[in-house]
Amino acid sequence: MKPSAPSLLKATFAIVQKDLAAELRSRELLSAMLVFSMLVILIFNFALELNIDVRKSVTAGVLWTTFAFAGTLGLNRSMAVEKDRGCMDGLLLAPVDRSAIFFGKAISNLAFMLIVEAIVIPMYAILYNETRIFQPEFLGVLLLGSIGYIAVGTLLSAMSVQTRTRDVLLPILLFPVAVPVLLASVKASGGIITGAPFAEILTPLNLLIVYDIVFIAISFMVFDYVVEE
């Protein structure tokens, strides 16, 4: 029998609360993601000694490259901690629907990624002298892209964490599947920064929305089977 919506929400919130409390105590995940992101931004800053117009055209690509790699690092570490400490077995034995585990982990992973983005974006704006990334439209695309990336990433990290080569396997599985959301995010973000017409931004924006809905639904349906293997 499927659980009621209140019980599902309660179980999901409990998992999110557990992840956030554990991260506040250890700060392992956020610190690793932040240090990695800042290093990537600094490397790009020194490597891309470009004029203002060219920098404007590569801003979206630099940011999404940084967020994609940092997000992958966070996804891998988030599931590895659960597996190594035996917490995943406890979650699977708990009398809750498995979808609550997926949504709980996805929401906590999304929270960590958004925190990193909130710190990296001002840093990027200072280094590159780029203020257009604070536009509400850009931040909206950032949120949509992050949701899609985390949704599919949480599912695949739950799959790869069972293997001994999980650190290598997750990027191999994730990046090909996440190509549509990354390309759409870069296209929409770049169009907003360069002031492109809305009609030009609409297609990648629609792709982002469809991708988010489809992969959240797929993850919801197959997560139970993934963690059973």
C-alpha atoms as a PDB file:
ATOM      1  CA  MET A   1       0.000   0.000   0.000  1.00  0.00           C
ATOM      2  CA  LYS A   2       1.341   3.425  -0.950  1.00  0.00           C
ATOM      3  CA  PRO A   3       1.936   5.838   1.939  1.00  0.00           C
ATOM      4  CA  SER A   4      -0.166   8.968   2.324  1.00  0.00           C
ATOM      5  CA  ALA A   5       1.210  12.330   1.226  1.00  0.00           C
ATOM      6  CA  PRO A   6       1.725  13.609   4.815  1.00  0.00           C
ATOM      7  CA  SER A   7       3.734  10.518   5.815  1.00  0.00           C
ATOM      8  CA  LEU A   8       5.815  10.768   2.629  1.00  0.00           C
ATOM      9  CA  LEU A   9       6.537  14.431   3.287  1.00  0.00           C
ATOM     10  CA  LYS A  10       7.384  13.711   6.912  1.00  0.00           C
ATOM     11  CA  ALA A  11       9.850  10.958   5.963  1.00  0.00           C
ATOM     12  CA  THR A  12      11.395  13.143   3.249  1.00  0.00           C
ATOM     13  CA  PHE A  13      11.829  16.057   5.639  1.00  0.00           C
ATOM     14  CA  ALA A  14      13.395  13.748   8.247  1.00  0.00           C
ATOM     15  CA  ILE A  15      16.043  12.604   5.740  1.00  0.00           C
ATOM     16  CA  VAL A  16      16.770  16.179   4.673  1.00  0.00           C
ATOM     17  CA  GLN A  17      17.063  17.219   8.315  1.00  0.00           C
ATOM     18  CA  LYS A  18      19.446  14.324   8.998  1.00  0.00           C
ATOM     19  CA  ASP A  19      21.694  15.212   6.055  1.00  0.00           C
ATOM     20  CA  LEU A  20      21.814  18.911   6.924  1.00  0.00           C
ATOM     21  CA  ALA A  21      22.528  18.203  10.601  1.00  0.00           C
ATOM     22  CA  ALA A  22      25.303  15.736   9.704  1.00  0.00           C
ATOM     23  CA  GLU A  23      26.861  18.247   7.308  1.00  0.00           C
ATOM     24  CA  LEU A  24      26.734  21.031   9.898  1.00  0.00           C
ATOM     25  CA  ARG A  25      28.720  18.809  12.253  1.00  0.00           C
ATOM     26  CA  SER A  26      31.351  17.574   9.794  1.00  0.00           C
ATOM     27  CA  ARG A  27      31.368  20.218   7.004  1.00  0.00           C
ATOM     28  CA  GLU A  28      33.145  17.646   4.823  1.00  0.00           C
ATOM     29  CA  LEU A  29      30.878  17.855   1.793  1.00  0.00           C
ATOM     30  CA  LEU A  30      30.408  21.606   1.532  1.00  0.00           C
ATOM     31  CA  SER A  31      34.053  22.411   2.200  1.00  0.00           C
ATOM     32  CA  ALA A  32      35.207  19.998  -0.530  1.00  0.00           C
ATOM     33  CA  MET A  33      32.694  21.393  -3.051  1.00  0.00           C
ATOM     34  CA  LEU A  34      33.554  25.005  -2.203  1.00  0.00           C
ATOM     35  CA  VAL A  35      37.318  24.547  -2.384  1.00  0.00           C
ATOM     36  CA  PHE A  36      37.005  22.697  -5.689  1.00  0.00           C
ATOM     37  CA  SER A  37      34.699  25.360  -7.166  1.00  0.00           C
ATOM     38  CA  MET A  38      36.929  28.231  -6.086  1.00  0.00           C
ATOM     39  CA  LEU A  39      39.993  26.538  -7.544  1.00  0.00           C
ATOM     40  CA  VAL A  40      38.243  26.017 -10.883  1.00  0.00           C
ATOM     41  CA  ILE A  41      37.080  29.648 -10.972  1.00  0.00           C
ATOM     42  CA  LEU A  42      40.590  30.904 -10.164  1.00  0.00           C
ATOM     43  CA  ILE A  43      42.161  28.663 -12.814  1.00  0.00           C
ATOM     44  CA  PHE A  44      39.721  29.928 -15.440  1.00  0.00           C
ATOM     45  CA  ASN A  45      40.373  33.508 -14.309  1.00  0.00           C
ATOM     46  CA  PHE A  46      44.107  33.221 -14.951  1.00  0.00           C
ATOM     47  CA  ALA A  47      43.743  31.036 -18.036  1.00  0.00           C
ATOM     48  CA  LEU A  48      41.158  33.202 -19.799  1.00  0.00           C
ATOM     49  CA  GLU A  49      42.943  36.523 -20.112  1.00  0.00           C
ATOM     50  CA  LEU A  50      40.313  37.731 -22.524  1.00  0.00           C
ATOM     51  CA  ASN A  51      38.671  41.029 -23.393  1.00  0.00           C
ATOM     52  CA  ILE A  52      35.308  41.980 -21.948  1.00  0.00           C
ATOM     53  CA  ASP A  53      33.204  40.827 -24.910  1.00  0.00           C
ATOM     54  CA  VAL A  54      34.816  37.387 -25.049  1.00  0.00           C
ATOM     55  CA  ARG A  55      34.536  36.935 -21.283  1.00  0.00           C
ATOM     56  CA  LYS A  56      30.827  37.701 -21.526  1.00  0.00           C
ATOM     57  CA  SER A  57      30.418  34.929 -24.098  1.00  0.00           C
ATOM     58  CA  VAL A  58      32.185  32.282 -21.962  1.00  0.00           C
ATOM     59  CA  THR A  59      30.645  33.188 -18.589  1.00  0.00           C
ATOM     60  CA  ALA A  60      27.818  30.632 -18.775  1.00  0.00           C
ATOM     61  CA  GLY A  61      30.170  27.838 -19.866  1.00  0.00           C
ATOM     62  CA  VAL A  62      32.684  28.550 -17.096  1.00  0.00           C
ATOM     63  CA  LEU A  63      30.016  28.659 -14.408  1.00  0.00           C
ATOM     64  CA  TRP A  64      28.207  25.499 -15.514  1.00  0.00           C
ATOM     65  CA  THR A  65      31.477  23.602 -15.875  1.00  0.00           C
ATOM     66  CA  THR A  66      32.312  24.568 -12.295  1.00  0.00           C
ATOM     67  CA  PHE A  67      28.882  23.646 -10.945  1.00  0.00           C
ATOM     68  CA  ALA A  68      28.742  20.340 -12.844  1.00  0.00           C
ATOM     69  CA  PHE A  69      32.067  19.092 -11.476  1.00  0.00           C
ATOM     70  CA  ALA A  70      31.387  20.357  -7.959  1.00  0.00           C
ATOM     71  CA  GLY A  71      27.908  18.819  -8.035  1.00  0.00           C
ATOM     72  CA  THR A  72      29.325  15.466  -9.126  1.00  0.00           C
ATOM     73  CA  LEU A  73      31.816  15.585  -6.274  1.00  0.00           C
ATOM     74  CA  GLY A  74      29.006  16.314  -3.822  1.00  0.00           C
ATOM     75  CA  LEU A  75      26.713  13.598  -5.195  1.00  0.00           C
ATOM     76  CA  ASN A  76      29.448  10.978  -4.967  1.00  0.00           C
ATOM     77  CA  ARG A  77      30.415  11.943  -1.451  1.00  0.00           C
ATOM     78  CA  SER A  78      26.827  12.206  -0.225  1.00  0.00           C
ATOM     79  CA  MET A  79      25.938   8.620  -1.164  1.00  0.00           C
ATOM     80  CA  ALA A  80      29.378   7.215  -0.245  1.00  0.00           C
ATOM     81  CA  VAL A  81      28.990   8.485   3.327  1.00  0.00           C
ATOM     82  CA  GLU A  82      25.608   6.753   3.640  1.00  0.00           C
ATOM     83  CA  LYS A  83      27.055   3.496   2.281  1.00  0.00           C
ATOM     84  CA  ASP A  84      30.294   3.497   4.294  1.00  0.00           C
ATOM     85  CA  ARG A  85      28.573   4.244   7.600  1.00  0.00           C
ATOM     86  CA  GLY A  86      25.807   1.707   7.038  1.00  0.00           C
ATOM     87  CA  CYS A  87      23.170   4.439   7.004  1.00  0.00           C
ATOM     88  CA  MET A  88      21.829   3.344   3.620  1.00  0.00           C
ATOM     89  CA  ASP A  89      20.929  -0.085   4.993  1.00  0.00           C
ATOM     90  CA  GLY A  90      19.106   1.586   7.847  1.00  0.00           C
ATOM     91  CA  LEU A  91      17.174   3.824   5.480  1.00  0.00           C
ATOM     92  CA  LEU A  92      16.186   0.862   3.319  1.00  0.00           C
ATOM     93  CA  LEU A  93      14.985  -1.057   6.392  1.00  0.00           C
ATOM     94  CA  ALA A  94      12.938   1.884   7.664  1.00  0.00           C
ATOM     95  CA  PRO A  95       9.153   1.505   7.236  1.00  0.00           C
ATOM     96  CA  VAL A  96       8.903   4.324   4.685  1.00  0.00           C
ATOM     97  CA  ASP A  97       8.392   4.411   0.954  1.00  0.00           C
ATOM     98  CA  ARG A  98      11.691   4.327  -0.978  1.00  0.00           C
ATOM     99  CA  SER A  99      10.671   7.449  -2.890  1.00  0.00           C
ATOM    100  CA  ALA A 100      11.038   9.388   0.376  1.00  0.00           C
ATOM    101  CA  ILE A 101      14.723   8.390   0.403  1.00  0.00           C
ATOM    102  CA  PHE A 102      15.170   9.668  -3.146  1.00  0.00           C
ATOM    103  CA  PHE A 103      13.410  12.986  -2.524  1.00  0.00           C
ATOM    104  CA  GLY A 104      15.181  13.472   0.806  1.00  0.00           C
ATOM    105  CA  LYS A 105      18.624  12.875  -0.686  1.00  0.00           C
ATOM    106  CA  ALA A 106      17.820  14.942  -3.786  1.00  0.00           C
ATOM    107  CA  ILE A 107      16.607  17.933  -1.751  1.00  0.00           C
ATOM    108  CA  SER A 108      19.640  17.861   0.543  1.00  0.00           C
ATOM    109  CA  ASN A 109      22.006  17.518  -2.442  1.00  0.00           C
ATOM    110  CA  LEU A 110      20.227  20.416  -4.141  1.00  0.00           C
ATOM    111  CA  ALA A 111      20.584  22.505  -0.981  1.00  0.00           C
ATOM    112  CA  PHE A 112      24.337  21.864  -0.877  1.00  0.00           C
ATOM    113  CA  MET A 113      24.701  22.736  -4.572  1.00  0.00           C
ATOM    114  CA  LEU A 114      22.692  25.958  -4.190  1.00  0.00           C
ATOM    115  CA  ILE A 115      24.825  27.004  -1.205  1.00  0.00           C
ATOM    116  CA  VAL A 116      27.964  26.505  -3.291  1.00  0.00           C
ATOM    117  CA  GLU A 117      26.429  28.458  -6.177  1.00  0.00           C
ATOM    118  CA  ALA A 118      25.431  31.292  -3.836  1.00  0.00           C
ATOM    119  CA  ILE A 119      29.072  31.652  -2.750  1.00  0.00           C
ATOM    120  CA  VAL A 120      30.718  31.077  -6.142  1.00  0.00           C
ATOM    121  CA  ILE A 121      28.562  33.522  -8.140  1.00  0.00           C
ATOM    122  CA  PRO A 122      29.595  36.663  -6.176  1.00  0.00           C
ATOM    123  CA  MET A 123      33.204  35.496  -6.323  1.00  0.00           C
ATOM    124  CA  TYR A 124      32.934  35.080 -10.091  1.00  0.00           C
ATOM    125  CA  ALA A 125      31.287  38.500 -10.434  1.00  0.00           C
ATOM    126  CA  ILE A 126      34.201  40.132  -8.597  1.00  0.00           C
ATOM    127  CA  LEU A 127      36.954  38.314 -10.517  1.00  0.00           C
ATOM    128  CA  TYR A 128      35.360  38.727 -13.951  1.00  0.00           C
ATOM    129  CA  ASN A 129      33.624  42.069 -13.324  1.00  0.00           C
ATOM    130  CA  GLU A 130      30.353  40.525 -14.511  1.00  0.00           C
ATOM    131  CA  THR A 131      27.157  41.773 -12.853  1.00  0.00           C
ATOM    132  CA  ARG A 132      24.631  40.351 -15.329  1.00  0.00           C
ATOM    133  CA  ILE A 133      24.685  37.012 -13.521  1.00  0.00           C
ATOM    134  CA  PHE A 134      22.605  38.562 -10.718  1.00  0.00           C
ATOM    135  CA  GLN A 135      19.584  38.972 -12.995  1.00  0.00           C
ATOM    136  CA  PRO A 136      16.479  37.113 -11.729  1.00  0.00           C
ATOM    137  CA  GLU A 137      16.181  35.323 -15.097  1.00  0.00           C
ATOM    138  CA  PHE A 138      19.731  34.001 -14.824  1.00  0.00           C
ATOM    139  CA  LEU A 139      19.124  32.797 -11.262  1.00  0.00           C
ATOM    140  CA  GLY A 140      15.916  31.089 -12.405  1.00  0.00           C
ATOM    141  CA  VAL A 141      17.784  29.182 -15.118  1.00  0.00           C
ATOM    142  CA  LEU A 142      20.431  28.296 -12.541  1.00  0.00           C
ATOM    143  CA  LEU A 143      17.752  26.797 -10.292  1.00  0.00           C
ATOM    144  CA  LEU A 144      16.098  24.829 -13.110  1.00  0.00           C
ATOM    145  CA  GLY A 145      19.420  23.448 -14.312  1.00  0.00           C
ATOM    146  CA  SER A 146      20.501  22.494 -10.801  1.00  0.00           C
ATOM    147  CA  ILE A 147      17.220  20.653 -10.155  1.00  0.00           C
ATOM    148  CA  GLY A 148      17.586  18.569 -13.318  1.00  0.00           C
ATOM    149  CA  TYR A 149      21.253  17.804 -12.697  1.00  0.00           C
ATOM    150  CA  ILE A 150      20.657  16.792  -9.074  1.00  0.00           C
ATOM    151  CA  ALA A 151      17.571  14.689  -9.904  1.00  0.00           C
ATOM    152  CA  VAL A 152      19.380  12.432 -12.366  1.00  0.00           C
ATOM    153  CA  GLY A 153      22.611  12.609 -10.357  1.00  0.00           C
ATOM    154  CA  THR A 154      20.980  11.364  -7.161  1.00  0.00           C
ATOM    155  CA  LEU A 155      19.512   8.375  -9.002  1.00  0.00           C
ATOM    156  CA  LEU A 156      22.796   7.445 -10.680  1.00  0.00           C
ATOM    157  CA  SER A 157      24.856   7.977  -7.525  1.00  0.00           C
ATOM    158  CA  ALA A 158      22.568   5.532  -5.694  1.00  0.00           C
ATOM    159  CA  MET A 159      23.291   3.069  -8.488  1.00  0.00           C
ATOM    160  CA  SER A 160      27.070   3.573  -8.648  1.00  0.00           C
ATOM    161  CA  VAL A 161      27.660   3.650  -4.885  1.00  0.00           C
ATOM    162  CA  GLN A 162      27.217  -0.129  -4.780  1.00  0.00           C
ATOM    163  CA  THR A 163      30.366  -0.614  -6.897  1.00  0.00           C
ATOM    164  CA  ARG A 164      34.023  -0.417  -5.894  1.00  0.00           C
ATOM    165  CA  THR A 165      34.774   2.022  -8.709  1.00  0.00           C
ATOM    166  CA  ARG A 166      32.043   4.480  -7.694  1.00  0.00           C
ATOM    167  CA  ASP A 167      34.320   7.562  -7.882  1.00  0.00           C
ATOM    168  CA  VAL A 168      35.012   6.861 -11.562  1.00  0.00           C
ATOM    169  CA  LEU A 169      31.691   5.279 -12.502  1.00  0.00           C
ATOM    170  CA  LEU A 170      29.408   8.143 -11.480  1.00  0.00           C
ATOM    171  CA  PRO A 171      30.870  10.749 -13.894  1.00  0.00           C
ATOM    172  CA  ILE A 172      30.894   8.153 -16.689  1.00  0.00           C
ATOM    173  CA  LEU A 173      27.181   7.473 -16.132  1.00  0.00           C
ATOM    174  CA  LEU A 174      26.113  11.001 -15.263  1.00  0.00           C
ATOM    175  CA  PHE A 175      27.691  13.282 -17.857  1.00  0.00           C
ATOM    176  CA  PRO A 176      26.202  11.617 -20.977  1.00  0.00           C
ATOM    177  CA  VAL A 177      22.724  11.646 -19.428  1.00  0.00           C
ATOM    178  CA  ALA A 178      23.128  15.217 -18.136  1.00  0.00           C
ATOM    179  CA  VAL A 179      24.343  16.617 -21.484  1.00  0.00           C
ATOM    180  CA  PRO A 180      20.862  17.963 -22.459  1.00  0.00           C
ATOM    181  CA  VAL A 181      20.369  19.837 -19.180  1.00  0.00           C
ATOM    182  CA  LEU A 182      23.910  21.244 -19.237  1.00  0.00           C
ATOM    183  CA  LEU A 183      23.687  22.386 -22.874  1.00  0.00           C
ATOM    184  CA  ALA A 184      20.254  23.929 -22.322  1.00  0.00           C
ATOM    185  CA  SER A 185      21.472  25.669 -19.155  1.00  0.00           C
ATOM    186  CA  VAL A 186      24.543  27.089 -20.892  1.00  0.00           C
ATOM    187  CA  LYS A 187      22.471  28.230 -23.889  1.00  0.00           C
ATOM    188  CA  ALA A 188      19.768  29.892 -21.764  1.00  0.00           C
ATOM    189  CA  SER A 189      22.248  31.439 -19.317  1.00  0.00           C
ATOM    190  CA  GLY A 190      24.453  32.731 -22.120  1.00  0.00           C
ATOM    191  CA  GLY A 191      21.464  34.233 -23.907  1.00  0.00           C
ATOM    192  CA  ILE A 192      20.386  36.093 -20.766  1.00  0.00           C
ATOM    193  CA  ILE A 193      23.897  37.463 -20.150  1.00  0.00           C
ATOM    194  CA  THR A 194      24.347  38.667 -23.732  1.00  0.00           C
ATOM    195  CA  GLY A 195      20.849  40.149 -23.883  1.00  0.00           C
ATOM    196  CA  ALA A 196      19.508  37.805 -26.566  1.00  0.00           C
ATOM    197  CA  PRO A 197      15.805  38.005 -27.547  1.00  0.00           C
ATOM    198  CA  PHE A 198      13.429  35.988 -25.378  1.00  0.00           C
ATOM    199  CA  ALA A 199      12.422  33.841 -28.360  1.00  0.00           C
ATOM    200  CA  GLU A 200      16.035  32.622 -28.560  1.00  0.00           C
ATOM    201  CA  ILE A 201      16.060  31.700 -24.871  1.00  0.00           C
ATOM    202  CA  LEU A 202      12.617  30.073 -24.875  1.00  0.00           C
ATOM    203  CA  THR A 203      13.648  26.788 -26.542  1.00  0.00           C
ATOM    204  CA  PRO A 204      16.443  25.862 -24.074  1.00  0.00           C
ATOM    205  CA  LEU A 205      14.233  27.069 -21.222  1.00  0.00           C
ATOM    206  CA  ASN A 206      11.425  24.731 -22.292  1.00  0.00           C
ATOM    207  CA  LEU A 207      13.948  21.903 -22.619  1.00  0.00           C
ATOM    208  CA  LEU A 208      15.095  22.517 -19.042  1.00  0.00           C
ATOM    209  CA  ILE A 209      11.539  22.384 -17.707  1.00  0.00           C
ATOM    210  CA  VAL A 210      10.695  19.200 -19.635  1.00  0.00           C
ATOM    211  CA  TYR A 211      13.982  17.565 -18.585  1.00  0.00           C
ATOM    212  CA  ASP A 212      13.313  18.334 -14.905  1.00  0.00           C
ATOM    213  CA  ILE A 213       9.785  16.929 -15.007  1.00  0.00           C
ATOM    214  CA  VAL A 214      10.738  13.798 -16.966  1.00  0.00           C
ATOM    215  CA  PHE A 215      13.755  12.826 -14.894  1.00  0.00           C
ATOM    216  CA  ILE A 216      12.118  13.545 -11.543  1.00  0.00           C
ATOM    217  CA  ALA A 217       9.273  11.251 -12.642  1.00  0.00           C
ATOM    218  CA  ILE A 218      11.656   8.551 -13.917  1.00  0.00           C
ATOM    219  CA  SER A 219      13.750   8.688 -10.737  1.00  0.00           C
ATOM    220  CA  PHE A 220      10.615   8.461  -8.621  1.00  0.00           C
ATOM    221  CA  MET A 221       9.470   5.338 -10.493  1.00  0.00           C
ATOM    222  CA  VAL A 222      12.764   3.414 -10.702  1.00  0.00           C
ATOM    223  CA  PHE A 223      14.563   4.390  -7.477  1.00  0.00           C
ATOM    224  CA  ASP A 224      13.015   1.476  -5.617  1.00  0.00           C
ATOM    225  CA  TYR A 225      14.471  -0.993  -8.114  1.00  0.00           C
ATOM    226  CA  VAL A 226      17.875   0.721  -8.165  1.00  0.00           C
ATOM    227  CA  VAL A 227      18.452   0.485  -4.414  1.00  0.00           C
ATOM    228  CA  GLU A 228      17.208  -3.113  -4.307  1.00  0.00           C
ATOM    229  CA  GLU A 229      20.051  -4.290  -6.580  1.00  0.00           C
END
